[in-house]
Amino acid sequence: MTTPAAEVTTGLTNGNCNPELSLFLKLTLLILKLKCAEVVALTKTELSEIPVINPVSTEEGSPPIKRKRYTTARDRREHLSRTFKYRKGNRDEDRNSYRSNEENSSKTSSDVISNTSVEKEPRKPKRKVAVLVGFCGTGYQGMQINRNAKTIEEDLFKAFVAAGAISKDNSDDPRKINENLADQIRVWGFVQTIRSFHAKTLCDSRIYEYLLPTYVFIPREREQIVNSIRQLSAKQNDNQTQFVEAPLATAEEMIEKRKYRISSKILDLVKQGFKAYEGTHNYHNFTLGRSPMEKSCNRFIMSFEVSDPKIVRHACDSKTSDPNETEESEWLSLKVHGQSFMLHQIRKMVALIVMMIRTETPLALIHKTFGQTKINIPKAPALGLLLDQPVFRSYNKKAFDNGKELVEFDIHKDKIDAFKEKFIYSKIYAEEFSENTFQNWINSIDYHTERDYGYLNHEGEIPECAIINPNEKFNKDVDDENQEENDSD
C-alpha cells in the first residue's frame, strides 16, 4: 500500500505522469525550497541577536562575545538603581518629594483656615536612652502610670515635658528632669543605648536590700516558747479554733530591746545562715501556692551579704519622754543579688534566719527547706525591703565591645547613698521607732502554735505536725498587697 505522496514521487521518477502536472509539481517543490531557505535565514538572524552568556565564538576565528560585568559594588548599585525603579531607596525619594510637594501645597490652605490655630511644635530628634532613676515611693500609688492615681512615672513624664526634653506630641513616653521633680525623685543620668534596648528583658539580675534591727535576734528561752504555746492551746478546743491577738510592744519594753547590741558570735551565725541561700535551690517554701515539683521554683542567688552593725539615732517620742533626748538602736543591712525572685521570697528568707537564730535551731534546717517537704514560713515585715538596683551585665558586655556607654549605677554611688540615707533609710527608721513594727511581728511569731512552726527545735528536724498537706488548709498570713519582690514567671 502506497500513500499519495509516494505515488506522486514514483510517477515523477518513472516519467509516467502528465507533463503539465509534472511541471506544476516541480514549481511547487521549488517554492517550498525557497520558503524553507527564508525560515532558516530568519532563524539564524534571531539567534544572532540573543546575548551569548558563555564566551563562545559565533564564527570560526572571530573573538568571543562577552557579557558586561560590574567589578565594583558602586557600579552594581548604580546599575540596580537605574534598572529597578521601585527599589526601597527610590521609593523613599519619591515619598520625600511627595511630602515636600504636599507641604508646599498645604501652606496656603493652613494660613487661610485660621490665624488663631495653635502651631505645632518643631520636631525634635529622638534617641533611645536609659534613664537612671532613684525615688522614694512614700505618698505615691505605685510606679507605673495609672489613671486617677498619683504615680512616680506620671511625675517623671510631666517633668520632662515641662523641661522641654520631649515634645508634647510625644509625651506618651515618660521622661524627667530634676528641676521639675519632687525632691524624693532623682535622675542620676542618661545613657544612650541601642535601638532594641528594653529595660525589662535585658535586665540580668537585681539587687535588693533589707534593713533589719538587731534586737530581733535576741534569744528567747525554750521554756517561754513552750509556755506561750500551752497558753494558746488552752484557749482552743477540738471543734473550734479561737484566734488570739498577740500583745503589742510597750514603750518600756522597746527601750530595753533597743539597747541590745549583737555579739560577734551571733553575727557570724547570721552571716552563715544567709550564705547558705547562695546558689541554685528550690524555693517552693519561700513563696505562695507553688508545688516543689515546679521547675520555676528553682532560683539562682549570686550573693547574700550582711553588713557590719550600724548605730542609728532617733528623737524620742515626745509623749513619753523629753523631746530633746535621742534614742539609739542597732541595724544590719542585708543585700541579696539574684537573677529573679518569687513573690515574698526575700521576706520569707529573712524571717527563717531570724526565727532560727532566736530559737537556736541548727542552720542545717535551711537545706531541708529546699527539699520536697512543704512547711509554713512566715513573712518578715515589708518595711525594711527596697530595690537597690537592676543589673545589666550581659548588655554592658556587648555595649563595651561595641564602644557604647554602659548602663550601671555604681558611677553614681555617692549621690545614690546620700539620697537613700535622706529619703529612704530615715523613713524606715522613723516608722520602726514610732510603730515598733519588727517587735510586733516577733510577738505574733511567738504566739503561733507548734503545729505551724514545729520545725524550730534544737535538733533541726521537721516533725510530722509541721508538714503541710497540699489538700489541708493551714493558718497563713496572706498579704498580697505587699508584692515587693518581682515574679518573673
Protein backbone atom coordinates (compact mmCIF):
# COMPACT_ATOMS: atom_id res chain seq x y z
CA MET A 1 0.00 0.00 0.00
CA THR A 2 1.41 3.39 -1.02
CA THR A 3 0.49 6.92 0.01
CA PRO A 4 -0.48 9.65 -2.48
CA ALA A 5 2.82 11.40 -1.87
CA ALA A 6 4.66 8.20 -2.63
CA GLU A 7 2.64 7.76 -5.82
CA VAL A 8 3.48 11.29 -6.98
CA THR A 9 7.14 10.76 -6.26
CA THR A 10 7.09 7.43 -8.07
CA GLY A 11 5.32 8.94 -11.04
CA LEU A 12 7.85 11.74 -11.34
CA THR A 13 10.67 9.26 -11.15
CA ASN A 14 9.29 6.91 -13.78
CA GLY A 15 8.07 9.71 -16.09
CA ASN A 16 4.57 8.22 -16.37
CA CYS A 17 2.64 11.34 -15.22
CA ASN A 18 1.14 14.15 -17.32
CA PRO A 19 3.78 16.72 -18.47
CA GLU A 20 1.64 19.67 -17.27
CA LEU A 21 1.17 18.05 -13.89
CA SER A 22 4.85 17.32 -13.72
CA LEU A 23 5.70 20.97 -14.39
CA PHE A 24 3.23 22.12 -11.72
CA LEU A 25 4.72 19.79 -9.15
CA LYS A 26 8.23 20.97 -9.94
CA LEU A 27 7.22 24.61 -9.45
CA THR A 28 5.54 23.74 -6.13
CA LEU A 29 8.67 21.99 -4.86
CA LEU A 30 10.78 24.98 -5.89
CA ILE A 31 8.52 27.37 -3.94
CA LEU A 32 8.71 25.13 -0.88
CA LYS A 33 12.51 25.13 -1.02
CA LEU A 34 12.58 28.93 -1.21
CA LYS A 35 10.27 29.23 1.81
CA CYS A 36 12.43 26.87 3.85
CA ALA A 37 15.52 28.90 2.99
CA GLU A 38 13.81 32.10 4.24
CA VAL A 39 12.81 30.43 7.51
CA VAL A 40 16.35 29.19 8.10
CA ALA A 41 17.80 32.63 7.38
CA LEU A 42 15.30 34.29 9.70
CA THR A 43 16.08 31.83 12.48
CA LYS A 44 19.80 32.49 12.18
CA THR A 45 19.19 36.24 12.37
CA GLU A 46 17.08 36.00 15.54
CA LEU A 47 19.56 33.70 17.24
CA SER A 48 22.39 36.09 16.50
CA GLU A 49 20.53 38.86 18.37
CA ILE A 50 20.28 36.82 21.64
CA PRO A 51 23.18 37.72 24.02
CA VAL A 52 25.64 34.92 24.45
CA ILE A 53 26.26 34.07 28.10
CA ASN A 54 29.34 31.96 27.61
CA PRO A 55 32.22 33.34 25.60
CA VAL A 56 31.57 31.11 22.56
CA SER A 57 32.74 32.13 19.08
CA THR A 58 29.94 32.64 16.53
CA GLU A 59 32.23 32.07 13.59
CA GLU A 60 35.47 30.30 13.30
CA GLY A 61 38.35 32.64 14.06
CA SER A 62 36.17 35.52 15.43
CA PRO A 63 36.63 36.83 19.06
CA PRO A 64 34.15 35.56 21.72
CA ILE A 65 31.16 37.70 22.73
CA LYS A 66 31.48 38.76 26.41
CA ARG A 67 28.73 39.97 28.79
CA LYS A 68 29.32 43.26 30.59
CA ARG A 69 30.32 42.69 34.22
CA TYR A 70 30.34 45.18 37.12
CA THR A 71 33.53 44.68 39.06
CA THR A 72 32.86 47.15 41.93
CA ALA A 73 29.99 47.49 44.37
CA ARG A 74 29.46 51.08 43.31
CA ASP A 75 28.93 50.07 39.67
CA ARG A 76 26.47 47.40 40.71
CA ARG A 77 24.49 49.85 42.88
CA GLU A 78 24.29 52.38 40.07
CA HIS A 79 23.18 49.67 37.67
CA LEU A 80 20.49 48.43 40.05
CA SER A 81 19.22 51.94 40.78
CA ARG A 82 18.81 52.54 37.04
CA THR A 83 17.31 49.13 36.34
CA PHE A 84 14.97 48.67 39.31
CA LYS A 85 12.90 51.78 39.57
CA TYR A 86 10.86 50.76 42.61
CA ARG A 87 13.63 49.80 44.98
CA LYS A 88 13.31 50.96 48.62
CA GLY A 89 15.71 53.85 48.18
CA ASN A 90 13.87 55.12 45.12
CA ARG A 91 10.54 54.74 46.90
CA ASP A 92 11.86 56.83 49.80
CA GLU A 93 12.99 59.54 47.39
CA ASP A 94 9.60 59.55 45.71
CA ARG A 95 7.89 59.66 49.10
CA ASN A 96 10.04 62.57 50.29
CA SER A 97 9.39 64.51 47.12
CA TYR A 98 5.68 63.81 47.52
CA ARG A 99 5.77 65.06 51.11
CA SER A 100 7.59 68.24 50.16
CA ASN A 101 5.06 68.95 47.42
CA GLU A 102 2.21 68.22 49.82
CA GLU A 103 3.66 70.54 52.48
CA ASN A 104 4.11 73.34 49.96
CA SER A 105 0.55 72.93 48.75
CA SER A 106 -0.83 72.87 52.30
CA LYS A 107 0.92 76.06 53.44
CA THR A 108 -1.56 78.35 51.80
CA SER A 109 -4.56 76.30 52.94
CA SER A 110 -3.38 76.26 56.57
CA ASP A 111 -2.94 80.03 56.54
CA VAL A 112 -6.44 80.50 55.20
CA ILE A 113 -8.10 78.25 57.81
CA SER A 114 -7.37 80.29 60.92
CA ASN A 115 -4.79 82.69 62.21
CA THR A 116 -5.53 81.67 65.82
CA SER A 117 -4.75 77.95 65.41
CA VAL A 118 -2.05 76.52 67.69
CA GLU A 119 1.21 76.00 65.86
CA LYS A 120 2.69 72.52 66.08
CA GLU A 121 5.96 72.24 67.98
CA PRO A 122 9.09 71.67 65.92
CA ARG A 123 10.12 68.06 65.62
CA LYS A 124 12.94 67.03 67.93
CA PRO A 125 15.47 64.29 67.25
CA LYS A 126 14.70 61.04 69.06
CA ARG A 127 17.29 58.88 70.77
CA LYS A 128 16.86 55.66 72.71
CA VAL A 129 18.27 56.25 76.19
CA ALA A 130 18.22 54.53 79.57
CA VAL A 131 17.25 56.88 82.41
CA LEU A 132 18.84 56.02 85.76
CA VAL A 133 16.26 56.93 88.40
CA GLY A 134 16.01 56.76 92.17
CA PHE A 135 12.89 57.50 94.20
CA CYS A 136 11.11 57.08 97.50
CA GLY A 137 7.56 55.88 96.91
CA THR A 138 6.04 57.38 100.07
CA GLY A 139 2.93 59.35 99.11
CA TYR A 140 2.61 57.69 95.70
CA GLN A 141 0.32 54.91 94.49
CA GLY A 142 2.89 52.83 92.67
CA MET A 143 5.45 53.30 89.92
CA GLN A 144 3.56 52.76 86.65
CA ILE A 145 1.18 55.36 85.23
CA ASN A 146 -2.37 54.65 86.36
CA ARG A 147 -5.45 56.74 85.68
CA ASN A 148 -6.75 58.78 88.63
CA ALA A 149 -3.71 57.84 90.74
CA LYS A 150 -0.55 59.69 91.70
CA THR A 151 2.37 57.64 90.40
CA ILE A 152 6.13 58.06 90.03
CA GLU A 153 6.07 57.58 86.27
CA GLU A 154 3.46 60.28 85.78
CA ASP A 155 5.57 62.86 87.62
CA LEU A 156 8.62 61.80 85.64
CA PHE A 157 6.98 62.31 82.31
CA LYS A 158 5.38 65.62 83.28
CA ALA A 159 8.76 66.92 84.40
CA PHE A 160 10.33 66.06 81.07
CA VAL A 161 7.59 67.78 79.13
CA ALA A 162 7.91 70.87 81.32
CA ALA A 163 11.68 70.93 80.86
CA GLY A 164 11.42 70.61 77.09
CA ALA A 165 13.28 67.32 76.98
CA ILE A 166 10.47 65.87 74.87
CA SER A 167 7.67 67.47 72.88
CA LYS A 168 4.06 67.37 74.00
CA ASP A 169 3.20 65.36 70.89
CA ASN A 170 5.48 62.55 72.11
CA SER A 171 4.58 62.78 75.77
CA ASP A 172 3.29 59.22 75.90
CA ASP A 173 6.86 58.18 76.70
CA PRO A 174 7.67 59.35 80.29
CA ARG A 175 10.91 61.27 80.98
CA LYS A 176 12.06 63.68 83.65
CA ILE A 177 14.49 66.35 84.85
CA ASN A 178 15.34 67.06 88.46
CA GLU A 179 14.43 70.74 88.35
CA ASN A 180 10.80 69.85 87.71
CA LEU A 181 10.60 66.94 90.14
CA ALA A 182 9.92 66.48 93.82
CA ASP A 183 12.99 66.01 96.00
CA GLN A 184 12.15 62.35 96.58
CA ILE A 185 12.55 61.57 92.86
CA ARG A 186 16.00 61.97 91.31
CA VAL A 187 17.60 61.28 87.95
CA TRP A 188 21.19 60.10 88.17
CA GLY A 189 21.96 60.27 84.47
CA PHE A 190 21.18 59.25 80.90
CA VAL A 191 22.84 56.52 78.86
CA GLN A 192 22.33 56.32 75.12
CA THR A 193 21.53 52.72 74.21
CA ILE A 194 20.95 50.59 71.14
CA ARG A 195 17.57 50.90 69.47
CA SER A 196 16.44 47.46 70.64
CA PHE A 197 17.19 48.15 74.32
CA HIS A 198 14.42 47.14 76.74
CA ALA A 199 15.00 47.53 80.48
CA LYS A 200 12.78 44.60 81.46
CA THR A 201 14.02 41.97 79.02
CA LEU A 202 17.72 42.92 79.17
CA CYS A 203 17.91 43.03 82.97
CA ASP A 204 20.08 40.06 84.02
CA SER A 205 19.62 40.28 87.78
CA ARG A 206 18.54 42.51 90.63
CA ILE A 207 19.98 43.59 93.96
CA TYR A 208 17.59 44.03 96.88
CA GLU A 209 18.39 45.49 100.29
CA TYR A 210 16.72 44.70 103.59
CA LEU A 211 17.23 46.78 106.75
CA LEU A 212 16.84 44.85 109.99
CA PRO A 213 17.19 45.95 113.65
CA THR A 214 19.49 43.62 115.56
CA TYR A 215 17.19 43.24 118.57
CA VAL A 216 15.13 40.73 116.56
CA PHE A 217 17.96 38.22 117.21
CA ILE A 218 17.58 38.36 120.99
CA PRO A 219 17.38 34.68 122.01
CA ARG A 220 14.21 33.54 123.67
CA GLU A 221 14.32 30.79 126.25
CA ARG A 222 12.75 27.49 125.32
CA GLU A 223 10.54 27.47 128.42
CA GLN A 224 8.94 30.77 127.43
CA ILE A 225 8.14 29.41 123.98
CA VAL A 226 6.54 26.28 125.45
CA ASN A 227 4.51 28.32 127.93
CA SER A 228 3.16 30.61 125.22
CA ILE A 229 2.20 27.57 123.14
CA ARG A 230 0.43 25.98 126.10
CA GLN A 231 -1.44 29.18 126.86
CA LEU A 232 -2.66 29.39 123.29
CA SER A 233 -3.54 25.69 123.14
CA ALA A 234 -5.59 26.01 126.34
CA LYS A 235 -7.85 28.51 124.60
CA GLN A 236 -8.57 26.12 121.75
CA ASN A 237 -10.92 23.16 121.70
CA ASP A 238 -11.23 20.26 119.34
CA ASN A 239 -14.18 21.65 117.40
CA GLN A 240 -13.32 25.32 117.02
CA THR A 241 -10.17 27.40 116.79
CA GLN A 242 -10.04 30.68 118.70
CA PHE A 243 -7.78 33.38 117.31
CA VAL A 244 -5.80 35.26 119.95
CA GLU A 245 -4.19 38.62 119.20
CA ALA A 246 -0.52 38.90 120.10
CA PRO A 247 0.27 41.70 122.57
CA LEU A 248 1.77 44.91 121.19
CA ALA A 249 5.18 46.07 122.34
CA THR A 250 5.19 48.72 125.05
CA ALA A 251 7.42 51.80 125.20
CA GLU A 252 9.29 50.50 128.25
CA GLU A 253 9.87 47.16 126.55
CA MET A 254 11.27 48.82 123.43
CA ILE A 255 13.70 50.97 125.40
CA GLU A 256 15.30 47.82 126.74
CA LYS A 257 15.11 46.00 123.42
CA ARG A 258 16.90 48.75 121.52
CA LYS A 259 19.79 48.70 123.95
CA TYR A 260 20.71 45.26 122.63
CA ARG A 261 23.96 45.01 120.65
CA ILE A 262 24.60 41.92 118.57
CA SER A 263 27.64 39.85 119.53
CA SER A 264 30.28 38.70 117.08
CA LYS A 265 29.17 35.08 117.61
CA ILE A 266 25.55 35.78 116.70
CA LEU A 267 26.65 37.97 113.79
CA ASP A 268 28.75 35.12 112.40
CA LEU A 269 25.74 32.78 112.63
CA VAL A 270 23.60 35.33 110.80
CA LYS A 271 26.18 35.63 108.00
CA GLN A 272 26.48 31.84 107.72
CA GLY A 273 22.71 31.49 107.55
CA PHE A 274 22.27 33.94 104.69
CA LYS A 275 25.34 32.49 102.95
CA ALA A 276 23.52 29.14 102.78
CA TYR A 277 21.00 30.66 100.36
CA GLU A 278 23.63 31.24 97.69
CA GLY A 279 23.49 29.04 94.61
CA THR A 280 20.58 27.40 92.79
CA HIS A 281 17.91 25.93 95.07
CA ASN A 282 14.23 25.05 95.07
CA TYR A 283 12.48 27.91 96.90
CA HIS A 284 8.95 26.48 96.82
CA ASN A 285 8.69 27.00 100.61
CA PHE A 286 9.55 30.70 100.26
CA THR A 287 6.54 31.78 98.21
CA LEU A 288 2.80 31.14 97.97
CA GLY A 289 0.89 28.44 96.11
CA ARG A 290 3.85 26.68 94.48
CA SER A 291 4.50 22.97 94.29
CA PRO A 292 8.01 21.56 94.93
CA MET A 293 7.74 19.85 91.53
CA GLU A 294 7.57 23.13 89.60
CA LYS A 295 10.81 23.96 87.82
CA SER A 296 10.07 27.68 88.10
CA CYS A 297 10.78 27.44 91.84
CA ASN A 298 14.49 26.93 91.13
CA ARG A 299 16.15 30.31 91.58
CA PHE A 300 19.80 31.35 91.49
CA ILE A 301 21.12 33.56 94.30
CA MET A 302 24.51 35.03 93.40
CA SER A 303 25.33 36.56 96.79
CA PHE A 304 23.73 37.37 100.14
CA GLU A 305 25.86 39.82 102.11
CA VAL A 306 25.42 41.09 105.67
CA SER A 307 26.93 44.46 106.61
CA ASP A 308 28.55 45.42 109.89
CA PRO A 309 26.19 46.77 112.58
CA LYS A 310 25.24 50.43 112.37
CA ILE A 311 24.03 52.66 115.21
CA VAL A 312 21.03 54.84 114.32
CA ARG A 313 19.93 57.77 116.48
CA HIS A 314 16.36 58.99 116.53
CA ALA A 315 14.40 61.54 118.54
CA CYS A 316 12.39 60.05 121.39
CA ASP A 317 8.61 60.13 121.44
CA SER A 318 7.56 63.48 122.93
CA LYS A 319 4.55 61.87 124.64
CA THR A 320 6.64 59.60 126.84
CA SER A 321 9.97 61.40 127.27
CA ASP A 322 11.89 64.59 126.74
CA PRO A 323 11.70 65.57 123.04
CA ASN A 324 15.31 66.74 123.18
CA GLU A 325 16.54 63.27 124.05
CA THR A 326 17.59 60.80 121.37
CA GLU A 327 17.20 57.05 121.25
CA GLU A 328 19.65 54.65 119.66
CA SER A 329 19.23 51.28 118.01
CA GLU A 330 21.46 48.93 116.05
CA TRP A 331 20.71 47.90 112.46
CA LEU A 332 22.03 45.49 109.83
CA SER A 333 21.89 45.92 106.07
CA LEU A 334 21.27 42.74 104.05
CA LYS A 335 21.94 42.77 100.30
CA VAL A 336 20.82 39.87 98.13
CA HIS A 337 21.81 39.61 94.46
CA GLY A 338 19.78 37.17 92.38
CA GLN A 339 18.59 36.58 88.85
CA SER A 340 14.92 36.80 89.81
CA PHE A 341 12.74 36.45 92.88
CA MET A 342 9.32 34.99 93.53
CA LEU A 343 6.53 36.64 95.47
CA HIS A 344 7.53 37.22 99.14
CA GLN A 345 10.72 35.16 98.65
CA ILE A 346 13.14 37.64 100.23
CA ARG A 347 10.89 38.39 103.20
CA LYS A 348 10.48 34.67 103.94
CA MET A 349 14.24 34.08 103.62
CA VAL A 350 14.88 36.81 106.20
CA ALA A 351 12.14 35.53 108.51
CA LEU A 352 13.51 31.98 108.59
CA ILE A 353 17.01 33.11 109.61
CA VAL A 354 15.62 35.39 112.34
CA MET A 355 13.45 32.61 113.82
CA MET A 356 16.27 30.07 113.68
CA ILE A 357 18.74 32.36 115.48
CA ARG A 358 16.20 33.25 118.17
CA THR A 359 15.31 29.61 118.87
CA GLU A 360 18.86 28.25 118.45
CA THR A 361 17.75 25.98 115.62
CA PRO A 362 20.69 24.44 113.68
CA LEU A 363 21.41 26.07 110.32
CA ALA A 364 21.19 22.63 108.68
CA LEU A 365 17.43 23.19 108.56
CA ILE A 366 17.91 25.65 105.67
CA HIS A 367 18.93 22.94 103.20
CA LYS A 368 15.98 20.79 104.29
CA THR A 369 13.60 23.55 103.23
CA PHE A 370 14.84 23.09 99.64
CA GLY A 371 13.55 19.50 99.60
CA GLN A 372 10.12 18.13 98.78
CA THR A 373 8.68 18.72 102.27
CA LYS A 374 6.21 21.60 102.44
CA ILE A 375 6.29 23.82 105.56
CA ASN A 376 4.86 27.17 106.57
CA ILE A 377 7.39 30.04 106.70
CA PRO A 378 6.09 33.49 107.71
CA LYS A 379 6.99 36.77 106.02
CA ALA A 380 9.22 39.37 107.62
CA PRO A 381 7.82 42.94 107.62
CA ALA A 382 7.78 44.70 104.28
CA LEU A 383 9.07 47.88 105.92
CA GLY A 384 12.77 47.09 105.51
CA LEU A 385 12.73 45.90 101.88
CA LEU A 386 13.82 48.06 98.93
CA LEU A 387 15.16 47.54 95.41
CA ASP A 388 18.78 48.67 95.35
CA GLN A 389 19.45 48.45 91.61
CA PRO A 390 18.86 46.37 88.47
CA VAL A 391 21.92 44.85 86.79
CA PHE A 392 22.53 44.73 83.01
CA ARG A 393 25.71 42.65 82.90
CA SER A 394 25.18 40.93 79.53
CA TYR A 395 24.11 44.14 77.81
CA ASN A 396 27.06 46.06 79.28
CA LYS A 397 29.48 43.45 77.97
CA LYS A 398 28.03 43.77 74.48
CA ALA A 399 27.98 47.57 74.73
CA PHE A 400 31.62 47.64 75.87
CA ASP A 401 32.70 45.53 72.89
CA ASN A 402 30.88 47.92 70.53
CA GLY A 403 32.19 51.08 72.19
CA LYS A 404 28.81 52.06 73.69
CA GLU A 405 28.03 53.53 77.10
CA LEU A 406 27.35 51.15 79.98
CA VAL A 407 24.10 51.07 81.96
CA GLU A 408 25.35 50.97 85.54
CA PHE A 409 24.59 52.75 88.80
CA ASP A 410 27.96 52.39 90.53
CA ILE A 411 29.33 55.58 88.97
CA HIS A 412 26.63 57.50 90.87
CA LYS A 413 27.17 55.62 94.14
CA ASP A 414 27.91 58.68 96.30
CA LYS A 415 24.79 60.53 95.20
CA ILE A 416 22.63 57.41 95.50
CA ASP A 417 23.88 56.63 99.02
CA ALA A 418 23.18 60.19 100.16
CA PHE A 419 19.70 60.06 98.64
CA LYS A 420 18.87 56.72 100.29
CA GLU A 421 20.08 57.96 103.67
CA LYS A 422 17.95 61.10 103.48
CA PHE A 423 14.73 59.89 101.87
CA ILE A 424 14.53 56.10 102.34
CA TYR A 425 16.52 54.93 105.36
CA SER A 426 15.29 57.80 107.50
CA LYS A 427 11.64 56.91 106.79
CA ILE A 428 12.26 53.24 107.63
CA TYR A 429 13.95 54.17 110.91
CA ALA A 430 11.23 56.67 111.81
CA GLU A 431 8.39 54.21 111.21
CA GLU A 432 10.11 51.49 113.23
CA PHE A 433 10.72 53.86 116.15
CA SER A 434 7.11 55.04 116.14
CA GLU A 435 5.26 51.80 115.30
CA ASN A 436 7.60 49.11 116.71
CA THR A 437 6.95 47.15 113.52
CA PHE A 438 9.58 44.45 113.95
CA GLN A 439 8.87 43.75 117.63
CA ASN A 440 5.14 43.40 116.97
CA TRP A 441 5.99 40.92 114.23
CA ILE A 442 8.20 38.95 116.64
CA ASN A 443 5.35 38.83 119.16
CA SER A 444 2.98 37.42 116.54
CA ILE A 445 5.52 34.73 115.63
CA ASP A 446 5.94 33.67 119.26
CA TYR A 447 2.19 33.21 119.69
CA HIS A 448 1.85 30.70 116.86
CA THR A 449 1.30 27.08 117.79
CA GLU A 450 3.86 24.32 117.45
CA ARG A 451 1.84 22.95 114.55
CA ASP A 452 2.79 25.99 112.44
CA TYR A 453 6.49 26.34 113.33
CA GLY A 454 7.33 23.00 114.90
CA TYR A 455 10.50 22.80 112.81
CA LEU A 456 12.11 25.38 115.13
CA ASN A 457 13.85 22.97 117.50
CA HIS A 458 17.33 22.13 118.75
CA GLU A 459 17.54 19.06 116.51
CA GLY A 460 16.85 20.90 113.25
CA GLU A 461 14.33 18.24 112.20
CA ILE A 462 10.95 18.82 110.58
CA PRO A 463 8.30 16.94 112.60
CA GLU A 464 5.20 15.45 111.06
CA CYS A 465 2.96 18.03 112.72
CA ALA A 466 4.77 20.87 110.88
CA ILE A 467 4.49 19.30 107.41
CA ILE A 468 1.75 20.78 105.25
CA ASN A 469 -0.57 18.52 103.34
CA PRO A 470 -1.37 20.12 99.95
CA ASN A 471 -5.06 19.29 100.45
CA GLU A 472 -5.15 20.64 104.01
CA LYS A 473 -5.87 24.22 104.99
CA PHE A 474 -3.47 25.86 107.41
CA ASN A 475 -3.07 29.22 109.10
CA LYS A 476 -1.10 31.55 106.89
CA ASP A 477 -0.90 35.27 106.71
CA VAL A 478 -1.50 36.07 103.06
CA ASP A 479 -0.83 39.72 102.40
CA ASP A 480 -1.00 40.20 98.65
CA GLU A 481 -0.85 43.96 98.93
CA ASN A 482 2.89 43.94 99.65
CA GLN A 483 4.36 42.47 96.49
CA GLU A 484 7.84 43.96 96.61
CA GLU A 485 9.63 41.04 95.03
CA ASN A 486 9.16 40.72 91.28
CA ASP A 487 7.76 37.48 89.90
CA SER A 488 9.49 36.99 86.55
CA ASP A 489 7.49 33.92 85.55
